[in-house]
């Protein structure tokens, strides 16, 4: 197979897209990872995950059975993409691009070979590269030592720049737009999917207005009712809202690989006394949790204190998951910064520039009074003097017992 059949040239196919972040911000990221590479003696880094390729290049790939990469050495940075995407990866990449054909199965490695040169120590993401890919890399590059660069890259992503925080803050505003659309569409007799569609459409339109040059992809809403509220990630169904239902709105705008979340408990028309009691207590835990998100606090310490609050009310056994996590480059189908989660087994210390959610949830089983899943979710920026809450949507019984006009079946 000829060189032309292995590689394609889409460089210059159109103009570079308007980037999400400034050139100075993207260069800052590359300088930071290169500083780690120099300290660790790494000649080149091959990023393969959605989140790291996006973070370092501003390009979010669509895998669809093909391999992608972003090769960073001490002089250049180049995205590696499949020919099916044409010139879009080049237009979106901060740096160069090399496109391979899938006419022969090893063309991806041929593309890598053009970039790594004589590198003898290459960083790869141990938490993303599977066994098959690792075997192929070792076979294609004999004599090369592959070392982990995923953990150091994650630590660098955990502290956000001013540009990232501004981007995330604007997205939190759009999540609030989605929440308002959910409430607007909620009424007895309305199916979950209709509420979710109304919310998602409102967010996508606001994203298009706010970032007219952005790609519009992957914004979504989970709206759950009744029994479907018992899990945080339960998908939308066609179940119709009934009077007295506990409801969960979950709005997720996504722009350039960054997503944020707004999550709230609601009730349709009325709620029992036990539902109100549990809801108010979960809001109390939520409020205390936000107070604890300050510099110097360990994630594990925050989880321990909130556990004590639930235990005092005999509710700890109904807790569903950790109390929150880092926000930045992440989505429901790819990675997040696991080193910054509000869990009992995470001892990361909060510091200014981190962006963290507070999202306590309890699930009361269906056969008990007050059954259902209760969850509130705000996003906070850790600052020198404490934190700044960038979520503005109201919560609690005073605001979210929804009495919308009933819709026709």
Protein backbone atom coordinates (compact mmCIF):
# COMPACT_ATOMS: atom_id res chain seq x y z
CA UNK A 1 0.00 0.00 0.00
CA UNK A 2 1.39 3.40 -0.98
CA UNK A 3 1.94 6.29 1.43
CA UNK A 4 -0.94 8.13 -0.20
CA UNK A 5 -3.27 5.20 0.47
CA UNK A 6 -2.24 5.06 4.14
CA UNK A 7 -2.53 8.79 4.90
CA UNK A 8 -4.79 11.55 3.66
CA UNK A 9 -4.17 15.28 3.69
CA UNK A 10 -7.08 17.43 4.88
CA UNK A 11 -4.83 20.19 6.21
CA UNK A 12 -6.19 23.47 4.88
CA UNK A 13 -9.58 21.99 4.01
CA UNK A 14 -11.46 25.12 5.00
CA UNK A 15 -10.38 27.54 7.70
CA UNK A 16 -9.53 26.76 11.30
CA UNK A 17 -12.68 26.92 13.43
CA UNK A 18 -13.12 29.62 16.04
CA UNK A 19 -11.58 27.97 19.13
CA UNK A 20 -13.24 27.50 22.48
CA UNK A 21 -10.29 28.97 24.37
CA UNK A 22 -7.51 31.42 23.56
CA UNK A 23 -4.21 30.32 22.08
CA UNK A 24 -2.53 31.39 25.34
CA UNK A 25 -4.81 29.07 27.33
CA UNK A 26 -4.19 26.10 25.04
CA UNK A 27 -0.45 26.75 25.11
CA UNK A 28 -0.59 26.87 28.93
CA UNK A 29 -2.00 23.36 28.95
CA UNK A 30 0.66 22.02 26.60
CA UNK A 31 3.42 23.77 28.56
CA UNK A 32 2.17 22.14 31.77
CA UNK A 33 2.13 18.59 30.40
CA UNK A 34 5.49 19.11 28.71
CA UNK A 35 6.95 20.25 32.01
CA UNK A 36 5.83 16.96 33.54
CA UNK A 37 7.20 15.04 30.56
CA UNK A 38 10.59 16.73 30.96
CA UNK A 39 10.68 15.96 34.68
CA UNK A 40 9.68 12.31 34.09
CA UNK A 41 11.97 11.78 31.10
CA UNK A 42 9.10 11.20 28.66
CA UNK A 43 9.97 11.86 25.00
CA UNK A 44 6.41 11.94 23.68
CA UNK A 45 2.87 11.43 24.95
CA UNK A 46 0.15 9.62 23.00
CA UNK A 47 -3.24 10.64 24.39
CA UNK A 48 -6.11 8.39 23.31
CA UNK A 49 -9.05 9.30 25.58
CA UNK A 50 -11.87 11.65 24.70
CA UNK A 51 -11.14 13.90 27.67
CA UNK A 52 -7.39 14.35 27.24
CA UNK A 53 -7.49 14.73 23.46
CA UNK A 54 -10.20 17.34 23.92
CA UNK A 55 -8.42 19.09 26.79
CA UNK A 56 -5.12 19.47 24.96
CA UNK A 57 -6.37 20.00 21.40
CA UNK A 58 -9.96 21.38 21.59
CA UNK A 59 -11.02 18.52 19.28
CA UNK A 60 -13.68 16.05 20.44
CA UNK A 61 -13.63 12.90 18.33
CA UNK A 62 -16.41 10.50 17.39
CA UNK A 63 -14.90 7.04 17.79
CA UNK A 64 -17.37 4.82 15.92
CA UNK A 65 -15.01 1.82 15.89
CA UNK A 66 -11.85 3.76 14.97
CA UNK A 67 -8.78 4.88 16.87
CA UNK A 68 -7.82 8.47 17.57
CA UNK A 69 -4.89 10.14 19.24
CA UNK A 70 -3.12 13.36 20.14
CA UNK A 71 0.65 13.11 19.98
CA UNK A 72 2.54 15.65 22.08
CA UNK A 73 6.32 15.82 22.07
CA UNK A 74 8.55 18.69 23.19
CA UNK A 75 8.20 20.57 19.91
CA UNK A 76 4.84 19.83 18.32
CA UNK A 77 1.30 18.63 19.01
CA UNK A 78 -0.71 16.72 16.40
CA UNK A 79 -4.14 15.11 16.37
CA UNK A 80 -4.42 11.70 14.67
CA UNK A 81 -7.80 11.13 13.08
CA UNK A 82 -9.61 8.74 10.75
CA UNK A 83 -10.34 9.73 7.17
CA UNK A 84 -14.07 9.41 7.70
CA UNK A 85 -14.02 12.80 9.49
CA UNK A 86 -12.54 14.73 6.57
CA UNK A 87 -11.04 18.07 7.57
CA UNK A 88 -13.08 18.64 10.73
CA UNK A 89 -10.36 17.36 13.10
CA UNK A 90 -7.79 19.69 11.53
CA UNK A 91 -10.18 22.65 11.71
CA UNK A 92 -10.82 21.99 15.41
CA UNK A 93 -7.30 21.05 16.55
CA UNK A 94 -5.00 23.47 18.33
CA UNK A 95 -1.92 22.18 16.54
CA UNK A 96 -1.39 19.96 13.52
CA UNK A 97 -3.34 17.01 12.21
CA UNK A 98 -2.48 13.71 10.54
CA UNK A 99 -5.29 11.71 8.94
CA UNK A 100 -5.04 7.99 8.26
CA UNK A 101 -7.18 5.77 6.06
CA UNK A 102 -8.86 2.63 7.33
CA UNK A 103 -8.09 0.77 4.11
CA UNK A 104 -5.53 -1.28 6.04
CA UNK A 105 -5.78 -2.13 9.74
CA UNK A 106 -2.34 -0.86 10.80
CA UNK A 107 -2.57 2.61 9.26
CA UNK A 108 -3.24 4.20 12.66
CA UNK A 109 0.16 2.98 13.84
CA UNK A 110 1.75 4.14 10.61
CA UNK A 111 0.47 7.63 11.42
CA UNK A 112 1.91 7.46 14.94
CA UNK A 113 5.25 6.34 13.51
CA UNK A 114 5.45 9.51 11.41
CA UNK A 115 5.25 11.60 14.57
CA UNK A 116 7.18 9.84 17.33
CA UNK A 117 10.48 9.67 15.50
CA UNK A 118 13.21 8.24 17.71
CA UNK A 119 11.24 8.51 20.97
CA UNK A 120 12.20 5.74 23.38
CA UNK A 121 9.94 6.59 26.31
CA UNK A 122 6.30 7.31 25.46
CA UNK A 123 3.52 8.27 27.83
CA UNK A 124 0.14 6.61 27.36
CA UNK A 125 -3.06 6.57 29.41
CA UNK A 126 -3.01 3.39 31.47
CA UNK A 127 -6.66 3.94 32.47
CA UNK A 128 -7.78 4.15 28.83
CA UNK A 129 -5.50 1.94 26.71
CA UNK A 130 -6.96 -1.56 26.66
CA UNK A 131 -4.97 -4.78 26.54
CA UNK A 132 -5.35 -5.19 22.77
CA UNK A 133 -4.09 -1.69 22.03
CA UNK A 134 -1.18 -2.07 24.45
CA UNK A 135 -0.11 -5.31 22.77
CA UNK A 136 -0.26 -3.65 19.36
CA UNK A 137 1.73 -0.63 20.52
CA UNK A 138 4.45 -2.87 21.94
CA UNK A 139 4.56 -4.91 18.74
CA UNK A 140 4.64 -1.86 16.48
CA UNK A 141 7.25 -0.02 18.56
CA UNK A 142 9.76 -2.56 19.87
CA UNK A 143 12.31 -1.10 22.23
CA UNK A 144 9.99 1.69 23.34
CA UNK A 145 9.09 1.95 27.03
CA UNK A 146 5.44 2.87 27.65
CA UNK A 147 4.75 4.72 30.91
CA UNK A 148 1.59 6.13 32.46
CA UNK A 149 0.71 9.74 31.85
CA UNK A 150 -3.01 9.55 32.71
CA UNK A 151 -2.66 10.30 36.43
CA UNK A 152 -0.38 13.35 36.01
CA UNK A 153 -2.62 14.69 33.24
CA UNK A 154 -5.66 14.29 35.50
CA UNK A 155 -3.98 16.22 38.31
CA UNK A 156 -3.26 19.07 35.91
CA UNK A 157 -6.89 19.14 34.73
CA UNK A 158 -8.23 19.30 38.29
CA UNK A 159 -7.28 22.96 38.78
CA UNK A 160 -9.09 25.15 36.26
CA UNK A 161 -7.84 28.31 34.60
CA UNK A 162 -9.77 31.57 34.62
CA UNK A 163 -10.94 30.87 31.05
CA UNK A 164 -12.20 27.43 32.00
CA UNK A 165 -14.06 28.78 35.02
CA UNK A 166 -15.70 31.48 32.88
CA UNK A 167 -16.75 28.81 30.37
CA UNK A 168 -18.16 26.53 33.06
CA UNK A 169 -19.97 29.43 34.74
CA UNK A 170 -21.75 30.34 31.51
CA UNK A 171 -22.74 26.72 31.03
CA UNK A 172 -24.20 26.61 34.55
CA UNK A 173 -26.42 29.52 33.53
CA UNK A 174 -27.61 27.49 30.56
CA UNK A 175 -28.34 24.52 32.82
CA UNK A 176 -30.61 26.84 34.80
CA UNK A 177 -32.40 27.63 31.51
CA UNK A 178 -32.95 23.89 31.06
CA UNK A 179 -34.29 23.58 34.60
CA UNK A 180 -36.82 26.34 34.00
CA UNK A 181 -37.93 24.59 30.80
CA UNK A 182 -38.40 21.34 32.74
CA UNK A 183 -40.66 23.05 35.26
CA UNK A 184 -42.55 24.79 32.46
CA UNK A 185 -43.32 21.47 30.77
CA UNK A 186 -44.12 19.49 33.93
CA UNK A 187 -47.76 18.64 34.54
CA UNK A 188 -49.86 15.61 35.40
CA UNK A 189 -50.37 13.47 32.30
CA UNK A 190 -47.19 14.61 30.49
CA UNK A 191 -44.70 11.85 29.59
CA UNK A 192 -41.13 12.09 30.89
CA UNK A 193 -39.72 12.28 27.37
CA UNK A 194 -41.77 15.36 26.48
CA UNK A 195 -40.42 17.24 29.50
CA UNK A 196 -36.88 16.17 28.61
CA UNK A 197 -37.25 17.19 24.96
CA UNK A 198 -38.52 20.65 25.93
CA UNK A 199 -35.59 21.16 28.29
CA UNK A 200 -32.94 19.93 25.87
CA UNK A 201 -34.27 22.10 23.04
CA UNK A 202 -34.17 25.17 25.27
CA UNK A 203 -30.54 24.51 26.23
CA UNK A 204 -29.35 23.76 22.69
CA UNK A 205 -30.91 26.97 21.40
CA UNK A 206 -29.28 28.98 24.18
CA UNK A 207 -25.90 27.34 23.49
CA UNK A 208 -26.23 28.24 19.80
CA UNK A 209 -27.03 31.83 20.73
CA UNK A 210 -24.17 32.08 23.25
CA UNK A 211 -21.51 30.25 21.20
CA UNK A 212 -22.54 30.69 17.55
CA UNK A 213 -19.37 28.96 16.31
CA UNK A 214 -19.57 25.93 18.63
CA UNK A 215 -20.42 22.40 17.60
CA UNK A 216 -23.84 21.47 18.94
CA UNK A 217 -23.61 17.96 20.30
CA UNK A 218 -24.54 15.79 23.25
CA UNK A 219 -26.58 18.20 25.39
CA UNK A 220 -29.24 16.11 27.09
CA UNK A 221 -31.84 15.92 29.86
CA UNK A 222 -32.86 13.05 32.11
CA UNK A 223 -36.30 13.66 33.59
CA UNK A 224 -37.50 10.92 35.93
CA UNK A 225 -40.80 10.33 37.72
CA UNK A 226 -42.06 8.00 40.44
CA UNK A 227 -40.12 4.75 40.67
CA UNK A 228 -37.75 5.98 37.97
CA UNK A 229 -36.22 8.50 40.41
CA UNK A 230 -34.45 5.76 42.39
CA UNK A 231 -31.26 6.00 40.28
CA UNK A 232 -29.35 9.14 39.36
CA UNK A 233 -28.66 7.94 35.80
CA UNK A 234 -31.95 6.25 34.96
CA UNK A 235 -32.84 7.03 31.34
CA UNK A 236 -35.92 8.90 30.17
CA UNK A 237 -39.04 6.80 29.57
CA UNK A 238 -42.54 7.48 28.26
CA UNK A 239 -44.07 7.11 31.75
CA UNK A 240 -46.68 9.82 32.35
CA UNK A 241 -46.52 12.04 35.42
CA UNK A 242 -49.13 11.29 38.08
CA UNK A 243 -50.38 13.55 40.87
CA UNK A 244 -48.19 13.17 43.95
CA UNK A 245 -45.22 11.82 41.97
CA UNK A 246 -41.71 12.55 43.12
CA UNK A 247 -39.77 13.91 40.14
CA UNK A 248 -36.10 14.50 39.24
CA UNK A 249 -34.85 16.98 36.68
CA UNK A 250 -31.30 16.50 35.40
CA UNK A 251 -30.11 19.07 32.86
CA UNK A 252 -26.74 18.60 31.13
CA UNK A 253 -25.64 21.25 28.63
CA UNK A 254 -22.40 20.30 26.87
CA UNK A 255 -20.08 22.61 24.95
CA UNK A 256 -16.68 21.62 23.52
CA UNK A 257 -16.33 18.54 25.71
CA UNK A 258 -17.26 20.40 28.91
CA UNK A 259 -20.54 19.59 30.55
CA UNK A 260 -22.26 20.83 33.68
CA UNK A 261 -25.26 19.56 35.59
CA UNK A 262 -28.34 20.89 37.31
CA UNK A 263 -30.30 18.33 39.34
CA UNK A 264 -33.38 18.97 41.44
CA UNK A 265 -36.13 17.12 43.28
CA UNK A 266 -39.70 18.16 42.41
CA UNK A 267 -43.22 16.92 43.15
CA UNK A 268 -46.28 16.94 40.94
CA UNK A 269 -49.08 18.98 42.57
CA UNK A 270 -48.61 17.74 46.15
CA UNK A 271 -46.32 15.76 48.46
CA UNK A 272 -46.98 13.73 51.60
CA UNK A 273 -45.68 14.84 55.00
CA UNK A 274 -42.99 12.14 54.93
CA UNK A 275 -41.89 13.15 51.45
CA UNK A 276 -41.58 16.74 52.64
CA UNK A 277 -39.62 15.69 55.74
CA UNK A 278 -37.10 13.68 53.73
CA UNK A 279 -36.82 16.32 51.03
CA UNK A 280 -36.16 19.10 53.53
CA UNK A 281 -33.54 17.03 55.31
CA UNK A 282 -31.73 16.25 52.07
CA UNK A 283 -31.72 19.97 51.33
CA UNK A 284 -30.22 20.53 54.80
CA UNK A 285 -27.40 18.10 53.96
CA UNK A 286 -26.97 19.88 50.63
CA UNK A 287 -26.65 23.25 52.38
CA UNK A 288 -24.08 21.96 54.87
CA UNK A 289 -22.13 20.28 52.11
CA UNK A 290 -21.78 23.55 50.23
CA UNK A 291 -20.47 25.23 53.36
CA UNK A 292 -17.72 22.59 53.58
CA UNK A 293 -16.38 23.17 50.05
CA UNK A 294 -13.49 25.43 51.05
CA UNK A 295 -9.71 25.38 50.51
CA UNK A 296 -7.88 23.01 52.81
CA UNK A 297 -10.75 20.55 53.27
CA UNK A 298 -10.15 16.92 52.36
CA UNK A 299 -12.77 15.23 50.20
CA UNK A 300 -12.91 12.35 52.72
CA UNK A 301 -13.53 14.76 55.62
CA UNK A 302 -16.51 16.29 53.85
CA UNK A 303 -18.00 12.86 53.13
CA UNK A 304 -17.50 11.79 56.77
CA UNK A 305 -19.30 14.82 58.20
CA UNK A 306 -22.26 14.50 55.84
CA UNK A 307 -22.46 10.78 56.61
CA UNK A 308 -22.90 11.69 60.26
CA UNK A 309 -25.85 13.91 59.41
CA UNK A 310 -27.60 11.08 57.58
CA UNK A 311 -26.73 8.57 60.30
CA UNK A 312 -28.31 10.80 62.97
CA UNK A 313 -31.60 10.56 61.06
CA UNK A 314 -31.21 6.82 60.35
CA UNK A 315 -30.89 7.56 56.63
CA UNK A 316 -27.27 6.67 55.90
CA UNK A 317 -28.19 3.25 54.51
CA UNK A 318 -30.28 4.98 51.83
CA UNK A 319 -27.38 7.08 50.48
CA UNK A 320 -26.74 6.32 46.82
CA UNK A 321 -23.24 7.57 45.84
CA UNK A 322 -20.49 10.09 46.62
CA UNK A 323 -21.38 13.67 47.50
CA UNK A 324 -19.94 15.35 44.41
CA UNK A 325 -17.09 15.48 41.93
CA UNK A 326 -14.91 17.68 39.79
CA UNK A 327 -16.32 19.43 36.74
CA UNK A 328 -14.49 20.21 33.52
CA UNK A 329 -13.86 18.01 30.48
CA UNK A 330 -16.23 15.11 31.09
CA UNK A 331 -19.43 13.49 29.91
CA UNK A 332 -21.64 10.53 30.74
CA UNK A 333 -19.89 8.36 28.16
CA UNK A 334 -16.28 9.21 28.95
CA UNK A 335 -13.95 9.93 31.81
CA UNK A 336 -13.83 12.38 34.64
CA UNK A 337 -11.28 13.43 37.25
CA UNK A 338 -11.54 10.52 39.66
CA UNK A 339 -8.92 12.06 41.93
CA UNK A 340 -11.39 14.79 42.94
CA UNK A 341 -14.51 13.09 44.23
CA UNK A 342 -16.26 13.72 47.53
CA UNK A 343 -15.93 10.16 48.79
CA UNK A 344 -14.73 8.50 51.96
CA UNK A 345 -11.73 6.99 50.14
CA UNK A 346 -10.50 10.21 48.45
CA UNK A 347 -8.03 12.33 50.43
CA UNK A 348 -7.52 15.07 47.84
CA UNK A 349 -7.35 18.50 49.48
CA UNK A 350 -9.50 21.22 47.94
CA UNK A 351 -7.66 24.24 46.55
CA UNK A 352 -8.57 27.43 44.69
CA UNK A 353 -9.38 26.85 41.03
CA UNK A 354 -11.09 23.51 41.54
CA UNK A 355 -14.73 23.26 40.41
CA UNK A 356 -16.77 20.77 42.42
CA UNK A 357 -20.41 19.74 42.72
CA UNK A 358 -22.39 19.14 45.89
CA UNK A 359 -25.06 16.53 45.17
CA UNK A 360 -26.32 14.47 48.12
CA UNK A 361 -28.83 11.76 47.22
CA UNK A 362 -30.90 9.28 49.18
CA UNK A 363 -33.23 6.65 47.74
CA UNK A 364 -36.10 5.40 49.87
CA UNK A 365 -37.39 1.98 48.70
CA UNK A 366 -40.80 1.77 47.06
CA UNK A 367 -42.48 -0.07 49.96
CA UNK A 368 -41.71 2.65 52.51
CA UNK A 369 -43.34 6.02 53.32
CA UNK A 370 -41.66 8.82 51.40
CA UNK A 371 -40.44 6.46 48.66
CA UNK A 372 -38.31 7.83 45.86
CA UNK A 373 -34.97 9.39 45.05
CA UNK A 374 -34.06 12.82 46.42
CA UNK A 375 -31.17 14.73 44.88
CA UNK A 376 -30.06 18.36 44.75
CA UNK A 377 -27.01 19.44 42.75
CA UNK A 378 -25.08 22.72 42.67
CA UNK A 379 -21.66 23.50 41.17
CA UNK A 380 -19.18 25.58 43.16
CA UNK A 381 -15.86 27.20 42.31
CA UNK A 382 -13.29 26.91 45.11
CA UNK A 383 -11.78 30.32 45.82
CA UNK A 384 -9.20 31.70 48.23
CA UNK A 385 -11.86 32.94 50.63
CA UNK A 386 -14.22 29.96 50.35
CA UNK A 387 -16.36 29.18 47.32
CA UNK A 388 -18.68 30.69 44.74
CA UNK A 389 -21.88 28.92 43.78
CA UNK A 390 -22.48 29.20 40.03
CA UNK A 391 -25.84 27.38 40.12
CA UNK A 392 -28.78 29.72 40.55
CA UNK A 393 -31.83 27.47 40.27
CA UNK A 394 -34.02 27.26 43.42
CA UNK A 395 -34.67 24.04 45.34
CA UNK A 396 -36.83 22.65 48.09
CA UNK A 397 -40.58 22.39 48.85
CA UNK A 398 -41.07 26.14 48.82
CA UNK A 399 -40.17 26.31 45.13
CA UNK A 400 -40.62 22.97 43.38
CA UNK A 401 -44.03 21.51 44.11
CA UNK A 402 -45.19 21.99 40.53
CA UNK A 403 -48.84 22.62 39.78
CA UNK A 404 -48.71 22.95 36.01
CA UNK A 405 -51.86 22.86 33.94
CA UNK A 406 -52.80 19.27 33.06
CA UNK A 407 -52.16 18.32 29.45
CA UNK A 408 -54.32 16.16 27.25
CA UNK A 409 -53.33 12.49 27.17
